[in-house]
Amino acid sequence: MKQNKYDDSGFFENYSQMPRSIGGLNAAGEWSALRALLPDLCNKKVLDLGCGFGWHCRYVREQQARSVVGVDLSENMLERARAMTNDSEIEYRRLAIEDIDFAAEEFDVAISSLALHYVERFDIICEKVHHFLVPGGTFVLSVEHPVFTALAAQDWHYGPQGEKLHWPVDDYHYEGSRQTRFLDNDVIKYHRTVATHVNALIESGFRITKLSELQPTQEMLINNSGMRDEIRRPMFLLIAAVKN
């Protein structure tokens, strides 16, 4: 299933008002953890899966990457990315992540930020990315944490006064689609366990080098009070892997 909610005008307008859409990477709570997983980008050819507004594409070029290809299915996303980009070495392509098709060993680094939980077959994407990367190439990705995606409601269990009592987890090993609400729209996400993510990468020929569940630092808690909830349950799973 290839969703394209972002070309719905109302959905896109709501998304455009989110802090990360306005403030970029520094407004994304998981950015510091994702950045720490990235390899040296100097003179590297980079692929960004689900590039959105192109924030990561522009960042890797600032780190002296040789070139970047950003892939996204939404024309609204790509139109905004192109408007914010003035760099001939960044190419944006309208393409579903499921349909990526590049030459063998075309890229040194592949990244994907909060996009792969919208893709049904994570294992196939891992196999494709492995094919596109040079030996020793790096794949860095972030997804919503399986503790977060297990139940479609994706919400706290509240007390009588509206207090957040706990985050319910159920049907964890029942993998597959979840219809949830995001920005007042029904959205399909795909729930997979931590083990499924890790094993799909290993079975595709990757070696896991780092795994993060984004435990907030003291600095994060001081600068963003909303991060306090992230101590109680993980919201993001981030993985760095290298092609053997």
Foldseek 3Di string as FASTA:
>chain_A
DFDACCQVVLLVVLVCPDQCNVVPLVSDLCNVVLVVQDDQQAQWEEEEAQCFLPRVQVVSVVSHHQAYEYEAQYPVRVVNNVVVDDDPRYHYDNDHLVPDDDAFQQGQEYEYEADCQQPFCPLVSLLRVLRNHDAFGKYKYKHWALQQPQAQASDADADPVRHRDARDHDNSVVWAWHFHDDSNDTGIGTHDHPVVNVVSNVVSQKDWDDKDLCDDDPVSCVVPVVCVVCNRDGTMIMTMITHD
